């Protein structure tokens, strides 16, 4: 399984029933697309995508997308999956769910890092579009955007446990983590963050082509911009990383140092949770390899 175990089982019949009951004007054939980390995605007809939380821990994340994606999309230079309908909990399904647009393209997570390079400039432009002060009521997220030291009680023991030893050198990972923790913290106001910028949430126009859309805003929050700068290692090889950095405003060495720490935190969590097989597992393993190589 390339994702955590589901708390709620979701299938095409359930999704079709909910659409028919709550949004009958959009009723159309339903086809399962993917069981993601937090949500099940199902295609609805030709033009729409249904997102349904599969884990209790992530159940409220769709609500954040419903509230904030319309606003963030107004500033974004790339397409975002702004919901067109909200689904309510019912006797058949306990969580809020959504219907959004369907985007054609190729999932970046299915490609090798070299085939993602053309997406780097547009992803940088998207990240830059978020680099503005967020409002006080932006969603709080204890796992993203916070001072990096708050993740040390989890990430430090994860490295020390040896669970990552078959993926990357433990001493090298410890050096990256210690350097990230030692970097000065973010002194500016909390800025908008996607919160989960990795290849599983990027859609390309075609294999090796430019960025078509940025997906999955369930972790949207505000805080340290280094959280999203971690995409440099989560998404790209050295060539793509330079293209990504070149498209961004100037950030300090401290910001990029913390970004390496955030990439380690995310990549190691993926490997610890699902191993190194499957698309997500390979994503985590490749990110850790990029971190220790440069």
Foldseek 3Di string as FASTA:
>chain_A
DLADDFPDDDDQVLVLVQCCVPPVVQRARWAWDDDDRFWTWIDRHDWKIKTAGRHPVLQCLVVLLQPPVVVLCVQAPADEFRFPDWGAADPSGGGIITMTTDDDFAQLLVADQQQALQAQLNLLRRLQSQFDADDPPFDDDQLFQDLLVSCCVPLVVLLVVCLCVVQDPSVLLVVLQVQLNPQDFDPDHWTKDLQDDASRQWGARYGSHYTHYGYDSSVIGTHQSLLRLLRLLLRHAPSSSVSNVVNHDDDDPNSPSNNLNNLSSVLSVSCVRRNLDDSSNVSSSSSNVRSSVD
